[in-house]
Amino acid sequence: MGNSLFEWGNRENTTMVFLYEMGSTGLRFGELAQYLDDYHVVLGSNEARQ
């Protein structure tokens, strides 16, 4: 299993954490990202690897 972590924004801002499931990627949050400028955002997953 591999872990993926994406992070952006100022760490001094309120942090929002999103978890996503196997079979998807952090890229699916791309459209949402434009609305989260005022936050520190962390995306994480635990993806199965073969």
C-alpha atoms as a PDB file:
ATOM      1  CA  MET A   1       0.000   0.000   0.000  1.00  0.00           C
ATOM      2  CA  GLY A   2       1.201   3.494  -0.722  1.00  0.00           C
ATOM      3  CA  ASN A   3       0.215   6.733   0.886  1.00  0.00           C
ATOM      4  CA  SER A   4      -0.342   9.933  -1.043  1.00  0.00           C
ATOM      5  CA  LEU A   5      -0.377  13.375   0.497  1.00  0.00           C
ATOM      6  CA  PHE A   6      -1.064  16.708  -1.177  1.00  0.00           C
ATOM      7  CA  GLU A   7      -0.896  19.963   0.745  1.00  0.00           C
ATOM      8  CA  TRP A   8      -1.276  23.641  -0.122  1.00  0.00           C
ATOM      9  CA  GLY A   9      -2.056  26.979   1.455  1.00  0.00           C
ATOM     10  CA  ASN A  10      -0.787  28.870   4.466  1.00  0.00           C
ATOM     11  CA  ARG A  11      -0.384  26.630   7.530  1.00  0.00           C
ATOM     12  CA  GLU A  12      -1.456  29.534   9.740  1.00  0.00           C
ATOM     13  CA  ASN A  13      -4.945  29.438   8.188  1.00  0.00           C
ATOM     14  CA  THR A  14      -7.709  27.057   9.232  1.00  0.00           C
ATOM     15  CA  THR A  15      -6.829  23.541   8.066  1.00  0.00           C
ATOM     16  CA  MET A  16      -9.250  21.413   6.060  1.00  0.00           C
ATOM     17  CA  VAL A  17      -8.461  17.702   5.676  1.00  0.00           C
ATOM     18  CA  PHE A  18      -9.908  15.580   2.867  1.00  0.00           C
ATOM     19  CA  LEU A  19      -9.476  11.822   2.528  1.00  0.00           C
ATOM     20  CA  TYR A  20     -10.103   9.988  -0.704  1.00  0.00           C
ATOM     21  CA  GLU A  21     -10.476   6.316  -1.507  1.00  0.00           C
ATOM     22  CA  MET A  22      -8.573   3.842  -3.606  1.00  0.00           C
ATOM     23  CA  GLY A  23      -9.195   4.212  -7.296  1.00  0.00           C
ATOM     24  CA  SER A  24      -9.362   7.981  -7.244  1.00  0.00           C
ATOM     25  CA  THR A  25      -6.665  10.642  -7.133  1.00  0.00           C
ATOM     26  CA  GLY A  26      -6.117  13.941  -5.404  1.00  0.00           C
ATOM     27  CA  LEU A  27      -6.510  15.573  -8.809  1.00  0.00           C
ATOM     28  CA  ARG A  28     -10.278  15.209  -8.519  1.00  0.00           C
ATOM     29  CA  PHE A  29     -10.139  18.073  -5.991  1.00  0.00           C
ATOM     30  CA  GLY A  30      -8.712  20.457  -8.600  1.00  0.00           C
ATOM     31  CA  GLU A  31     -11.997  22.255  -9.242  1.00  0.00           C
ATOM     32  CA  LEU A  32     -12.696  22.592  -5.530  1.00  0.00           C
ATOM     33  CA  ALA A  33      -9.218  24.015  -4.879  1.00  0.00           C
ATOM     34  CA  GLN A  34     -10.070  27.386  -6.415  1.00  0.00           C
ATOM     35  CA  TYR A  35     -12.613  27.962  -3.635  1.00  0.00           C
ATOM     36  CA  LEU A  36     -10.224  27.098  -0.791  1.00  0.00           C
ATOM     37  CA  ASP A  37      -7.750  29.983  -1.043  1.00  0.00           C
ATOM     38  CA  ASP A  38      -8.371  31.028   2.568  1.00  0.00           C
ATOM     39  CA  TYR A  39      -7.504  27.586   3.995  1.00  0.00           C
ATOM     40  CA  HIS A  40      -4.580  25.284   4.557  1.00  0.00           C
ATOM     41  CA  VAL A  41      -5.658  22.110   2.729  1.00  0.00           C
ATOM     42  CA  VAL A  42      -4.397  18.557   3.210  1.00  0.00           C
ATOM     43  CA  LEU A  43      -5.505  15.698   0.933  1.00  0.00           C
ATOM     44  CA  GLY A  44      -4.600  12.163   1.855  1.00  0.00           C
ATOM     45  CA  SER A  45      -5.219   8.600   0.789  1.00  0.00           C
ATOM     46  CA  ASN A  46      -4.088   5.086   1.419  1.00  0.00           C
ATOM     47  CA  GLU A  47      -3.897   3.529  -2.033  1.00  0.00           C
ATOM     48  CA  ALA A  48      -3.418  -0.158  -2.735  1.00  0.00           C
ATOM     49  CA  ARG A  49      -0.482  -0.903  -5.035  1.00  0.00           C
ATOM     50  CA  GLN A  50       0.175  -4.176  -6.799  1.00  0.00           C
END
